Amino acid sequence: MTAVLFAHPRCDTCRNARRWLDAHHVAYDVVDLTVRAPTLAELRAIQQNSGQPARKLFNTSGQSYRNGGFADKLKAMDDDAMLAALAADGLLVKRPIFTRGDLALVGFAADAYARALA
């Protein structure tokens, strides 16, 4: 089963995740969030498999989030609207996101990756 890492090429946290995955010989394909956002179906699966609420899938420190006024908008949005916004702009997506089968890890923490991928 092929793993996917949704990442931004200039993101230090994404680079750390890639280094960890490479060092632990975990095969994965990279999806560049500046080129392609996760699809609505992928986002629904990520939300379900990560156990995270949709609002936790947003990159709250990014320019797209700030310029789009999402700090206020999220208060009135339901999950479907949030996921649609994420699918429309990959730069809104928290990164990295690692998926493999029914596993979805949002963000990067070496200990969480070790527990999930051991």
PDB file of N, CA and C in Angstrom:
ATOM      1  N   MET A   1       0.844  -1.171   0.000  1.00  0.00           N
ATOM      2  CA  MET A   1       0.000   0.000   0.000  1.00  0.00           C
ATOM      3  C   MET A   1       0.893   1.240   0.000  1.00  0.00           C
ATOM      4  N   THR A   2       0.659   2.129  -0.940  1.00  0.00           N
ATOM      5  CA  THR A   2       1.476   3.324  -1.077  1.00  0.00           C
ATOM      6  C   THR A   2       1.039   4.391  -0.091  1.00  0.00           C
ATOM      7  N   ALA A   3       2.000   4.953   0.598  1.00  0.00           N
ATOM      8  CA  ALA A   3       1.755   6.057   1.523  1.00  0.00           C
ATOM      9  C   ALA A   3       1.893   7.367   0.755  1.00  0.00           C
ATOM     10  N   VAL A   4       1.224   8.393   1.259  1.00  0.00           N
ATOM     11  CA  VAL A   4       1.285   9.717   0.654  1.00  0.00           C
ATOM     12  C   VAL A   4       1.607  10.729   1.737  1.00  0.00           C
ATOM     13  N   LEU A   5       2.501  11.648   1.407  1.00  0.00           N
ATOM     14  CA  LEU A   5       2.821  12.758   2.291  1.00  0.00           C
ATOM     15  C   LEU A   5       2.417  14.037   1.577  1.00  0.00           C
ATOM     16  N   PHE A   6       1.392  14.703   2.108  1.00  0.00           N
ATOM     17  CA  PHE A   6       0.989  16.008   1.596  1.00  0.00           C
ATOM     18  C   PHE A   6       1.903  17.022   2.270  1.00  0.00           C
ATOM     19  N   ALA A   7       2.664  17.770   1.467  1.00  0.00           N
ATOM     20  CA  ALA A   7       3.694  18.638   2.031  1.00  0.00           C
ATOM     21  C   ALA A   7       3.879  19.895   1.192  1.00  0.00           C
ATOM     22  N   HIS A   8       4.510  20.871   1.804  1.00  0.00           N
ATOM     23  CA  HIS A   8       4.897  22.109   1.127  1.00  0.00           C
ATOM     24  C   HIS A   8       6.413  22.056   0.981  1.00  0.00           C
ATOM     25  N   PRO A   9       6.956  22.360  -0.183  1.00  0.00           N
ATOM     26  CA  PRO A   9       8.396  22.190  -0.401  1.00  0.00           C
ATOM     27  C   PRO A   9       9.284  23.072   0.480  1.00  0.00           C
ATOM     28  N   ARG A  10       8.779  24.197   0.963  1.00  0.00           N
ATOM     29  CA  ARG A  10       9.612  25.075   1.790  1.00  0.00           C
ATOM     30  C   ARG A  10       9.289  24.983   3.282  1.00  0.00           C
ATOM     31  N   CYS A  11       8.523  23.991   3.661  1.00  0.00           N
ATOM     32  CA  CYS A  11       8.100  23.821   5.050  1.00  0.00           C
ATOM     33  C   CYS A  11       9.133  22.996   5.817  1.00  0.00           C
ATOM     34  N   ASP A  12       9.707  23.570   6.873  1.00  0.00           N
ATOM     35  CA  ASP A  12      10.698  22.854   7.675  1.00  0.00           C
ATOM     36  C   ASP A  12      10.113  21.612   8.344  1.00  0.00           C
ATOM     37  N   THR A  13       8.888  21.709   8.816  1.00  0.00           N
ATOM     38  CA  THR A  13       8.253  20.558   9.453  1.00  0.00           C
ATOM     39  C   THR A  13       8.062  19.433   8.445  1.00  0.00           C
ATOM     40  N   CYS A  14       7.718  19.782   7.220  1.00  0.00           N
ATOM     41  CA  CYS A  14       7.581  18.770   6.158  1.00  0.00           C
ATOM     42  C   CYS A  14       8.929  18.125   5.861  1.00  0.00           C
ATOM     43  N   ARG A  15       9.974  18.926   5.826  1.00  0.00           N
ATOM     44  CA  ARG A  15      11.318  18.379   5.590  1.00  0.00           C
ATOM     45  C   ARG A  15      11.716  17.431   6.720  1.00  0.00           C
ATOM     46  N   ASN A  16      11.366  17.799   7.961  1.00  0.00           N
ATOM     47  CA  ASN A  16      11.665  16.918   9.098  1.00  0.00           C
ATOM     48  C   ASN A  16      10.913  15.601   8.972  1.00  0.00           C
ATOM     49  N   ALA A  17       9.662  15.664   8.557  1.00  0.00           N
ATOM     50  CA  ALA A  17       8.882  14.435   8.362  1.00  0.00           C
ATOM     51  C   ALA A  17       9.512  13.574   7.277  1.00  0.00           C
ATOM     52  N   ARG A  18       9.921  14.196   6.189  1.00  0.00           N
ATOM     53  CA  ARG A  18      10.553  13.433   5.098  1.00  0.00           C
ATOM     54  C   ARG A  18      11.851  12.789   5.561  1.00  0.00           C
ATOM     55  N   ARG A  19      12.651  13.530   6.329  1.00  0.00           N
ATOM     56  CA  ARG A  19      13.903  12.957   6.849  1.00  0.00           C
ATOM     57  C   ARG A  19      13.602  11.756   7.751  1.00  0.00           C
ATOM     58  N   TRP A  20      12.582  11.893   8.605  1.00  0.00           N
ATOM     59  CA  TRP A  20      12.231  10.800   9.510  1.00  0.00           C
ATOM     60  C   TRP A  20      11.770   9.592   8.703  1.00  0.00           C
ATOM     61  N   LEU A  21      10.875   9.792   7.751  1.00  0.00           N
ATOM     62  CA  LEU A  21      10.376   8.692   6.934  1.00  0.00           C
ATOM     63  C   LEU A  21      11.506   8.011   6.166  1.00  0.00           C
ATOM     64  N   ASP A  22      12.403   8.806   5.593  1.00  0.00           N
ATOM     65  CA  ASP A  22      13.539   8.248   4.854  1.00  0.00           C
ATOM     66  C   ASP A  22      14.456   7.449   5.777  1.00  0.00           C
ATOM     67  N   ALA A  23      14.740   7.986   6.952  1.00  0.00           N
ATOM     68  CA  ALA A  23      15.628   7.310   7.904  1.00  0.00           C
ATOM     69  C   ALA A  23      15.025   5.993   8.397  1.00  0.00           C
ATOM     70  N   HIS A  24      13.703   5.913   8.408  1.00  0.00           N
ATOM     71  CA  HIS A  24      13.028   4.701   8.872  1.00  0.00           C
ATOM     72  C   HIS A  24      12.526   3.834   7.709  1.00  0.00           C
ATOM     73  N   HIS A  25      13.021   4.148   6.512  1.00  0.00           N
ATOM     74  CA  HIS A  25      12.752   3.350   5.314  1.00  0.00           C
ATOM     75  C   HIS A  25      11.259   3.156   5.049  1.00  0.00           C
ATOM     76  N   VAL A  26      10.504   4.232   5.236  1.00  0.00           N
ATOM     77  CA  VAL A  26       9.077   4.215   4.935  1.00  0.00           C
ATOM     78  C   VAL A  26       8.900   4.770   3.525  1.00  0.00           C
ATOM     79  N   ALA A  27       8.374   3.967   2.630  1.00  0.00           N
ATOM     80  CA  ALA A  27       8.151   4.405   1.247  1.00  0.00           C
ATOM     81  C   ALA A  27       6.903   5.289   1.197  1.00  0.00           C
ATOM     82  N   TYR A  28       6.980   6.350   0.407  1.00  0.00           N
ATOM     83  CA  TYR A  28       5.853   7.278   0.287  1.00  0.00           C
ATOM     84  C   TYR A  28       6.001   8.092  -0.990  1.00  0.00           C
ATOM     85  N   ASP A  29       4.881   8.592  -1.460  1.00  0.00           N
ATOM     86  CA  ASP A  29       4.855   9.551  -2.559  1.00  0.00           C
ATOM     87  C   ASP A  29       4.557  10.920  -1.950  1.00  0.00           C
ATOM     88  N   VAL A  30       5.075  11.970  -2.564  1.00  0.00           N
ATOM     89  CA  VAL A  30       4.840  13.322  -2.072  1.00  0.00           C
ATOM     90  C   VAL A  30       3.835  14.028  -2.973  1.00  0.00           C
ATOM     91  N   VAL A  31       2.874  14.682  -2.347  1.00  0.00           N
ATOM     92  CA  VAL A  31       1.954  15.564  -3.050  1.00  0.00           C
ATOM     93  C   VAL A  31       2.297  16.977  -2.598  1.00  0.00           C
ATOM     94  N   ASP A  32       2.709  17.798  -3.532  1.00  0.00           N
ATOM     95  CA  ASP A  32       3.093  19.183  -3.265  1.00  0.00           C
ATOM     96  C   ASP A  32       1.813  20.020  -3.138  1.00  0.00           C
ATOM     97  N   LEU A  33       1.566  20.525  -1.939  1.00  0.00           N
ATOM     98  CA  LEU A  33       0.350  21.299  -1.686  1.00  0.00           C
ATOM     99  C   LEU A  33       0.300  22.613  -2.448  1.00  0.00           C
ATOM    100  N   THR A  34       1.434  23.064  -2.963  1.00  0.00           N
ATOM    101  CA  THR A  34       1.416  24.287  -3.771  1.00  0.00           C
ATOM    102  C   THR A  34       0.936  23.996  -5.185  1.00  0.00           C
ATOM    103  N   VAL A  35       0.934  22.715  -5.560  1.00  0.00           N
ATOM    104  CA  VAL A  35       0.516  22.301  -6.896  1.00  0.00           C
ATOM    105  C   VAL A  35      -0.874  21.669  -6.880  1.00  0.00           C
ATOM    106  N   ARG A  36      -1.128  20.840  -5.858  1.00  0.00           N
ATOM    107  CA  ARG A  36      -2.404  20.127  -5.793  1.00  0.00           C
ATOM    108  C   ARG A  36      -2.875  20.009  -4.350  1.00  0.00           C
ATOM    109  N   ALA A  37      -4.065  20.491  -4.109  1.00  0.00           N
ATOM    110  CA  ALA A  37      -4.696  20.315  -2.802  1.00  0.00           C
ATOM    111  C   ALA A  37      -5.267  18.908  -2.713  1.00  0.00           C
ATOM    112  N   PRO A  38      -5.406  18.371  -1.510  1.00  0.00           N
ATOM    113  CA  PRO A  38      -6.103  17.098  -1.382  1.00  0.00           C
ATOM    114  C   PRO A  38      -7.540  17.253  -1.893  1.00  0.00           C
ATOM    115  N   THR A  39      -8.062  16.202  -2.487  1.00  0.00           N
ATOM    116  CA  THR A  39      -9.446  16.234  -2.964  1.00  0.00           C
ATOM    117  C   THR A  39     -10.388  16.196  -1.768  1.00  0.00           C
ATOM    118  N   LEU A  40     -11.642  16.508  -2.038  1.00  0.00           N
ATOM    119  CA  LEU A  40     -12.653  16.456  -0.992  1.00  0.00           C
ATOM    120  C   LEU A  40     -12.738  15.045  -0.401  1.00  0.00           C
ATOM    121  N   ALA A  41     -12.670  14.032  -1.251  1.00  0.00           N
ATOM    122  CA  ALA A  41     -12.709  12.645  -0.768  1.00  0.00           C
ATOM    123  C   ALA A  41     -11.485  12.329   0.096  1.00  0.00           C
ATOM    124  N   GLU A  42     -10.316  12.793  -0.328  1.00  0.00           N
ATOM    125  CA  GLU A  42      -9.101  12.575   0.471  1.00  0.00           C
ATOM    126  C   GLU A  42      -9.221  13.273   1.819  1.00  0.00           C
ATOM    127  N   LEU A  43      -9.733  14.494   1.818  1.00  0.00           N
ATOM    128  CA  LEU A  43      -9.881  15.243   3.068  1.00  0.00           C
ATOM    129  C   LEU A  43     -10.876  14.580   4.012  1.00  0.00           C
ATOM    130  N   ARG A  44     -11.958  14.062   3.467  1.00  0.00           N
ATOM    131  CA  ARG A  44     -12.929  13.346   4.313  1.00  0.00           C
ATOM    132  C   ARG A  44     -12.270  12.121   4.959  1.00  0.00           C
ATOM    133  N   ALA A  45     -11.490  11.397   4.181  1.00  0.00           N
ATOM    134  CA  ALA A  45     -10.787  10.229   4.714  1.00  0.00           C
ATOM    135  C   ALA A  45      -9.747  10.646   5.753  1.00  0.00           C
ATOM    136  N   ILE A  46      -9.021  11.720   5.488  1.00  0.00           N
ATOM    137  CA  ILE A  46      -8.022  12.218   6.442  1.00  0.00           C
ATOM    138  C   ILE A  46      -8.703  12.597   7.753  1.00  0.00           C
ATOM    139  N   GLN A  47      -9.808  13.313   7.655  1.00  0.00           N
ATOM    140  CA  GLN A  47     -10.514  13.717   8.865  1.00  0.00           C
ATOM    141  C   GLN A  47     -10.976  12.484   9.649  1.00  0.00           C
ATOM    142  N   GLN A  48     -11.597  11.549   8.959  1.00  0.00           N
ATOM    143  CA  GLN A  48     -12.094  10.347   9.632  1.00  0.00           C
ATOM    144  C   GLN A  48     -10.951   9.531  10.232  1.00  0.00           C
ATOM    145  N   ASN A  49      -9.908   9.289   9.449  1.00  0.00           N
ATOM    146  CA  ASN A  49      -8.819   8.414   9.893  1.00  0.00           C
ATOM    147  C   ASN A  49      -7.912   9.057  10.928  1.00  0.00           C
ATOM    148  N   SER A  50      -7.847  10.374  10.956  1.00  0.00           N
ATOM    149  CA  SER A  50      -7.012  11.050  11.954  1.00  0.00           C
ATOM    150  C   SER A  50      -7.758  11.260  13.263  1.00  0.00           C
ATOM    151  N   GLY A  51      -9.098  11.249  13.190  1.00  0.00           N
ATOM    152  CA  GLY A  51      -9.884  11.538  14.380  1.00  0.00           C
ATOM    153  C   GLY A  51      -9.906  13.016  14.739  1.00  0.00           C
ATOM    154  N   GLN A  52      -9.418  13.858  13.830  1.00  0.00           N
ATOM    155  CA  GLN A  52      -9.345  15.297  14.073  1.00  0.00           C
ATOM    156  C   GLN A  52     -10.601  15.983  13.556  1.00  0.00           C
ATOM    157  N   PRO A  53     -11.073  17.023  14.259  1.00  0.00           N
ATOM    158  CA  PRO A  53     -12.162  17.820  13.685  1.00  0.00           C
ATOM    159  C   PRO A  53     -11.651  18.565  12.458  1.00  0.00           C
ATOM    160  N   ALA A  54     -12.544  18.912  11.554  1.00  0.00           N
ATOM    161  CA  ALA A  54     -12.152  19.573  10.305  1.00  0.00           C
ATOM    162  C   ALA A  54     -11.345  20.836  10.557  1.00  0.00           C
ATOM    163  N   ARG A  55     -11.668  21.589  11.592  1.00  0.00           N
ATOM    164  CA  ARG A  55     -10.949  22.842  11.855  1.00  0.00           C
ATOM    165  C   ARG A  55      -9.472  22.607  12.164  1.00  0.00           C
ATOM    166  N   LYS A  56      -9.128  21.414  12.632  1.00  0.00           N
ATOM    167  CA  LYS A  56      -7.729  21.092  12.943  1.00  0.00           C
ATOM    168  C   LYS A  56      -6.914  20.770  11.690  1.00  0.00           C
ATOM    169  N   LEU A  57      -7.566  20.716  10.534  1.00  0.00           N
ATOM    170  CA  LEU A  57      -6.853  20.449   9.277  1.00  0.00           C
ATOM    171  C   LEU A  57      -6.393  21.733   8.603  1.00  0.00           C
ATOM    172  N   PHE A  58      -6.662  22.879   9.223  1.00  0.00           N
ATOM    173  CA  PHE A  58      -6.265  24.171   8.661  1.00  0.00           C
ATOM    174  C   PHE A  58      -4.882  24.579   9.136  1.00  0.00           C
ATOM    175  N   ASN A  59      -4.103  25.138   8.223  1.00  0.00           N
ATOM    176  CA  ASN A  59      -2.819  25.744   8.532  1.00  0.00           C
ATOM    177  C   ASN A  59      -3.111  27.170   9.020  1.00  0.00           C
ATOM    178  N   THR A  60      -3.240  27.318  10.330  1.00  0.00           N
ATOM    179  CA  THR A  60      -3.670  28.594  10.896  1.00  0.00           C
ATOM    180  C   THR A  60      -2.590  29.668  10.866  1.00  0.00           C
ATOM    181  N   SER A  61      -1.377  29.306  10.528  1.00  0.00           N
ATOM    182  CA  SER A  61      -0.315  30.311  10.480  1.00  0.00           C
ATOM    183  C   SER A  61       0.008  30.749   9.055  1.00  0.00           C
ATOM    184  N   GLY A  62      -0.738  30.250   8.095  1.00  0.00           N
ATOM    185  CA  GLY A  62      -0.447  30.566   6.697  1.00  0.00           C
ATOM    186  C   GLY A  62      -1.121  31.836   6.207  1.00  0.00           C
ATOM    187  N   GLN A  63      -0.579  32.354   5.140  1.00  0.00           N
ATOM    188  CA  GLN A  63      -1.084  33.579   4.537  1.00  0.00           C
ATOM    189  C   GLN A  63      -2.500  33.397   3.980  1.00  0.00           C
ATOM    190  N   SER A  64      -2.786  32.252   3.382  1.00  0.00           N
ATOM    191  CA  SER A  64      -4.131  32.000   2.851  1.00  0.00           C
ATOM    192  C   SER A  64      -5.171  32.040   3.970  1.00  0.00           C
ATOM    193  N   TYR A  65      -4.822  31.502   5.121  1.00  0.00           N
ATOM    194  CA  TYR A  65      -5.729  31.488   6.270  1.00  0.00           C
ATOM    195  C   TYR A  65      -5.982  32.917   6.761  1.00  0.00           C
ATOM    196  N   ARG A  66      -4.911  33.665   6.933  1.00  0.00           N
ATOM    197  CA  ARG A  66      -5.047  35.048   7.415  1.00  0.00           C
ATOM    198  C   ARG A  66      -5.773  35.925   6.405  1.00  0.00           C
ATOM    199  N   ASN A  67      -5.329  35.881   5.146  1.00  0.00           N
ATOM    200  CA  ASN A  67      -5.938  36.736   4.117  1.00  0.00           C
ATOM    201  C   ASN A  67      -7.393  36.369   3.838  1.00  0.00           C
ATOM    202  N   GLY A  68      -7.741  35.111   4.032  1.00  0.00           N
ATOM    203  CA  GLY A  68      -9.107  34.670   3.797  1.00  0.00           C
ATOM    204  C   GLY A  68     -10.039  34.904   4.971  1.00  0.00           C
ATOM    205  N   GLY A  69      -9.495  35.399   6.085  1.00  0.00           N
ATOM    206  CA  GLY A  69     -10.323  35.663   7.262  1.00  0.00           C
ATOM    207  C   GLY A  69     -10.892  34.410   7.890  1.00  0.00           C
ATOM    208  N   PHE A  70     -10.176  33.291   7.792  1.00  0.00           N
ATOM    209  CA  PHE A  70     -10.715  32.024   8.272  1.00  0.00           C
ATOM    210  C   PHE A  70     -10.813  31.935   9.791  1.00  0.00           C
ATOM    211  N   ALA A  71     -10.078  32.737  10.520  1.00  0.00           N
ATOM    212  CA  ALA A  71     -10.222  32.723  11.978  1.00  0.00           C
ATOM    213  C   ALA A  71     -11.667  33.036  12.353  1.00  0.00           C
ATOM    214  N   ASP A  72     -12.293  33.972  11.647  1.00  0.00           N
ATOM    215  CA  ASP A  72     -13.698  34.308  11.893  1.00  0.00           C
ATOM    216  C   ASP A  72     -14.639  33.396  11.125  1.00  0.00           C
ATOM    217  N   LYS A  73     -14.298  33.074   9.881  1.00  0.00           N
ATOM    218  CA  LYS A  73     -15.182  32.266   9.040  1.00  0.00           C
ATOM    219  C   LYS A  73     -15.441  30.874   9.610  1.00  0.00           C
ATOM    220  N   LEU A  74     -14.416  30.264  10.220  1.00  0.00           N
ATOM    221  CA  LEU A  74     -14.565  28.892  10.706  1.00  0.00           C
ATOM    222  C   LEU A  74     -15.657  28.773  11.761  1.00  0.00           C
ATOM    223  N   LYS A  75     -15.905  29.843  12.492  1.00  0.00           N
ATOM    224  CA  LYS A  75     -16.924  29.815  13.550  1.00  0.00           C
ATOM    225  C   LYS A  75     -18.307  29.514  12.989  1.00  0.00           C
ATOM    226  N   ALA A  76     -18.544  29.901  11.743  1.00  0.00           N
ATOM    227  CA  ALA A  76     -19.864  29.722  11.138  1.00  0.00           C
ATOM    228  C   ALA A  76     -19.903  28.603  10.098  1.00  0.00           C
ATOM    229  N   MET A  77     -18.778  27.951   9.852  1.00  0.00           N
ATOM    230  CA  MET A  77     -18.723  26.925   8.814  1.00  0.00           C
ATOM    231  C   MET A  77     -18.963  25.536   9.399  1.00  0.00           C
ATOM    232  N   ASP A  78     -19.684  24.701   8.641  1.00  0.00           N
ATOM    233  CA  ASP A  78     -19.810  23.304   9.041  1.00  0.00           C
ATOM    234  C   ASP A  78     -18.655  22.513   8.414  1.00  0.00           C
ATOM    235  N   ASP A  79     -18.563  21.240   8.758  1.00  0.00           N
ATOM    236  CA  ASP A  79     -17.447  20.416   8.270  1.00  0.00           C
ATOM    237  C   ASP A  79     -17.381  20.381   6.748  1.00  0.00           C
ATOM    238  N   ASP A  80     -18.533  20.255   6.090  1.00  0.00           N
ATOM    239  CA  ASP A  80     -18.534  20.186   4.623  1.00  0.00           C
ATOM    240  C   ASP A  80     -17.955  21.457   4.014  1.00  0.00           C
ATOM    241  N   ALA A  81     -18.321  22.610   4.548  1.00  0.00           N
ATOM    242  CA  ALA A  81     -17.808  23.883   4.036  1.00  0.00           C
ATOM    243  C   ALA A  81     -16.313  24.006   4.317  1.00  0.00           C
ATOM    244  N   MET A  82     -15.880  23.554   5.490  1.00  0.00           N
ATOM    245  CA  MET A  82     -14.449  23.607   5.822  1.00  0.00           C
ATOM    246  C   MET A  82     -13.646  22.730   4.867  1.00  0.00           C
ATOM    247  N   LEU A  83     -14.108  21.511   4.661  1.00  0.00           N
ATOM    248  CA  LEU A  83     -13.386  20.596   3.781  1.00  0.00           C
ATOM    249  C   LEU A  83     -13.379  21.106   2.341  1.00  0.00           C
ATOM    250  N   ALA A  84     -14.470  21.726   1.904  1.00  0.00           N
ATOM    251  CA  ALA A  84     -14.511  22.304   0.556  1.00  0.00           C
ATOM    252  C   ALA A  84     -13.500  23.430   0.419  1.00  0.00           C
ATOM    253  N   ALA A  85     -13.359  24.262   1.452  1.00  0.00           N
ATOM    254  CA  ALA A  85     -12.374  25.349   1.420  1.00  0.00           C
ATOM    255  C   ALA A  85     -10.957  24.787   1.352  1.00  0.00           C
ATOM    256  N   LEU A  86     -10.695  23.740   2.106  1.00  0.00           N
ATOM    257  CA  LEU A  86      -9.373  23.109   2.085  1.00  0.00           C
ATOM    258  C   LEU A  86      -9.072  22.494   0.720  1.00  0.00           C
ATOM    259  N   ALA A  87     -10.078  21.866   0.115  1.00  0.00           N
ATOM    260  CA  ALA A  87      -9.895  21.246  -1.197  1.00  0.00           C
ATOM    261  C   ALA A  87      -9.664  22.291  -2.285  1.00  0.00           C
ATOM    262  N   ALA A  88     -10.132  23.502  -2.046  1.00  0.00           N
ATOM    263  CA  ALA A  88      -9.983  24.569  -3.042  1.00  0.00           C
ATOM    264  C   ALA A  88      -8.637  25.273  -2.962  1.00  0.00           C
ATOM    265  N   ASP A  89      -7.938  25.154  -1.829  1.00  0.00           N
ATOM    266  CA  ASP A  89      -6.661  25.867  -1.650  1.00  0.00           C
ATOM    267  C   ASP A  89      -5.729  25.033  -0.788  1.00  0.00           C
ATOM    268  N   GLY A  90      -4.767  24.386  -1.430  1.00  0.00           N
ATOM    269  CA  GLY A  90      -3.816  23.540  -0.714  1.00  0.00           C
ATOM    270  C   GLY A  90      -3.009  24.274   0.328  1.00  0.00           C
ATOM    271  N   LEU A  91      -2.856  25.583   0.190  1.00  0.00           N
ATOM    272  CA  LEU A  91      -2.086  26.338   1.169  1.00  0.00           C
ATOM    273  C   LEU A  91      -2.844  26.540   2.478  1.00  0.00           C
ATOM    274  N   LEU A  92      -4.135  26.230   2.493  1.00  0.00           N
ATOM    275  CA  LEU A  92      -4.902  26.264   3.734  1.00  0.00           C
ATOM    276  C   LEU A  92      -4.694  25.008   4.573  1.00  0.00           C
ATOM    277  N   VAL A  93      -4.164  23.957   3.961  1.00  0.00           N
ATOM    278  CA  VAL A  93      -4.058  22.653   4.608  1.00  0.00           C
ATOM    279  C   VAL A  93      -2.877  22.606   5.565  1.00  0.00           C
ATOM    280  N   LYS A  94      -3.147  22.137   6.790  1.00  0.00           N
ATOM    281  CA  LYS A  94      -2.075  21.922   7.763  1.00  0.00           C
ATOM    282  C   LYS A  94      -1.116  20.894   7.182  1.00  0.00           C
ATOM    283  N   ARG A  95       0.137  21.064   7.460  1.00  0.00           N
ATOM    284  CA  ARG A  95       1.113  20.169   6.871  1.00  0.00           C
ATOM    285  C   ARG A  95       2.184  19.786   7.877  1.00  0.00           C
ATOM    286  N   PRO A  96       2.806  18.661   7.612  1.00  0.00           N
ATOM    287  CA  PRO A  96       2.480  17.666   6.602  1.00  0.00           C
ATOM    288  C   PRO A  96       1.308  16.791   7.044  1.00  0.00           C
ATOM    289  N   ILE A  97       0.749  16.088   6.085  1.00  0.00           N
ATOM    290  CA  ILE A  97      -0.242  15.053   6.378  1.00  0.00           C
ATOM    291  C   ILE A  97       0.259  13.774   5.728  1.00  0.00           C
ATOM    292  N   PHE A  98       0.405  12.745   6.544  1.00  0.00           N
ATOM    293  CA  PHE A  98       0.854  11.433   6.078  1.00  0.00           C
ATOM    294  C   PHE A  98      -0.341  10.502   6.075  1.00  0.00           C
ATOM    295  N   THR A  99      -0.560   9.821   4.954  1.00  0.00           N
ATOM    296  CA  THR A  99      -1.650   8.844   4.877  1.00  0.00           C
ATOM    297  C   THR A  99      -1.128   7.523   4.336  1.00  0.00           C
ATOM    298  N   ARG A 100      -1.671   6.466   4.878  1.00  0.00           N
ATOM    299  CA  ARG A 100      -1.397   5.114   4.361  1.00  0.00           C
ATOM    300  C   ARG A 100      -2.549   4.230   4.812  1.00  0.00           C
ATOM    301  N   GLY A 101      -3.342   3.798   3.866  1.00  0.00           N
ATOM    302  CA  GLY A 101      -4.511   2.995   4.210  1.00  0.00           C
ATOM    303  C   GLY A 101      -5.448   3.780   5.105  1.00  0.00           C
ATOM    304  N   ASP A 102      -5.770   3.209   6.256  1.00  0.00           N
ATOM    305  CA  ASP A 102      -6.670   3.853   7.214  1.00  0.00           C
ATOM    306  C   ASP A 102      -5.942   4.733   8.219  1.00  0.00           C
ATOM    307  N   LEU A 103      -4.673   5.005   7.985  1.00  0.00           N
ATOM    308  CA  LEU A 103      -3.873   5.838   8.878  1.00  0.00           C
ATOM    309  C   LEU A 103      -3.747   7.247   8.305  1.00  0.00           C
ATOM    310  N   ALA A 104      -3.948   8.244   9.130  1.00  0.00           N
ATOM    311  CA  ALA A 104      -3.719   9.636   8.733  1.00  0.00           C
ATOM    312  C   ALA A 104      -3.091  10.362   9.915  1.00  0.00           C
ATOM    313  N   LEU A 105      -1.908  10.910   9.696  1.00  0.00           N
ATOM    314  CA  LEU A 105      -1.199  11.687  10.713  1.00  0.00           C
ATOM    315  C   LEU A 105      -1.146  13.129  10.253  1.00  0.00           C
ATOM    316  N   VAL A 106      -1.666  14.027  11.064  1.00  0.00           N
ATOM    317  CA  VAL A 106      -1.720  15.450  10.725  1.00  0.00           C
ATOM    318  C   VAL A 106      -0.639  16.161  11.525  1.00  0.00           C
ATOM    319  N   GLY A 107       0.244  16.870  10.815  1.00  0.00           N
ATOM    320  CA  GLY A 107       1.389  17.489  11.463  1.00  0.00           C
ATOM    321  C   GLY A 107       2.515  16.475  11.574  1.00  0.00           C
ATOM    322  N   PHE A 108       3.596  16.863  12.242  1.00  0.00           N
ATOM    323  CA  PHE A 108       4.697  15.919  12.420  1.00  0.00           C
ATOM    324  C   PHE A 108       5.202  15.974  13.849  1.00  0.00           C
ATOM    325  N   ALA A 109       5.259  14.816  14.455  1.00  0.00           N
ATOM    326  CA  ALA A 109       5.924  14.609  15.740  1.00  0.00           C
ATOM    327  C   ALA A 109       6.584  13.231  15.633  1.00  0.00           C
ATOM    328  N   ALA A 110       7.894  13.191  15.823  1.00  0.00           N
ATOM    329  CA  ALA A 110       8.644  11.962  15.626  1.00  0.00           C
ATOM    330  C   ALA A 110       8.064  10.830  16.469  1.00  0.00           C
ATOM    331  N   ASP A 111       7.680  11.101  17.710  1.00  0.00           N
ATOM    332  CA  ASP A 111       7.150  10.044  18.558  1.00  0.00           C
ATOM    333  C   ASP A 111       5.818   9.510  18.043  1.00  0.00           C
ATOM    334  N   ALA A 112       4.968  10.390  17.511  1.00  0.00           N
ATOM    335  CA  ALA A 112       3.682   9.940  16.950  1.00  0.00           C
ATOM    336  C   ALA A 112       3.914   9.098  15.696  1.00  0.00           C
ATOM    337  N   TYR A 113       4.868   9.511  14.861  1.00  0.00           N
ATOM    338  CA  TYR A 113       5.179   8.727  13.667  1.00  0.00           C
ATOM    339  C   TYR A 113       5.742   7.364  14.080  1.00  0.00           C
ATOM    340  N   ALA A 114       6.602   7.346  15.081  1.00  0.00           N
ATOM    341  CA  ALA A 114       7.197   6.083  15.535  1.00  0.00           C
ATOM    342  C   ALA A 114       6.120   5.135  16.060  1.00  0.00           C
ATOM    343  N   ARG A 115       5.189   5.658  16.855  1.00  0.00           N
ATOM    344  CA  ARG A 115       4.112   4.806  17.383  1.00  0.00           C
ATOM    345  C   ARG A 115       3.234   4.260  16.257  1.00  0.00           C
ATOM    346  N   ALA A 116       2.887   5.113  15.307  1.00  0.00           N
ATOM    347  CA  ALA A 116       1.958   4.721  14.251  1.00  0.00           C
ATOM    348  C   ALA A 116       2.591   3.831  13.189  1.00  0.00           C
ATOM    349  N   LEU A 117       3.879   3.992  12.966  1.00  0.00           N
ATOM    350  CA  LEU A 117       4.533   3.296  11.850  1.00  0.00           C
ATOM    351  C   LEU A 117       5.479   2.198  12.280  1.00  0.00           C
ATOM    352  N   ALA A 118       5.513   1.923  13.562  1.00  0.00           N
ATOM    353  CA  ALA A 118       6.432   0.884  14.064  1.00  0.00           C
ATOM    354  C   ALA A 118       5.993  -0.495  13.635  1.00  0.00           C
TER     355      ALA A 118
END
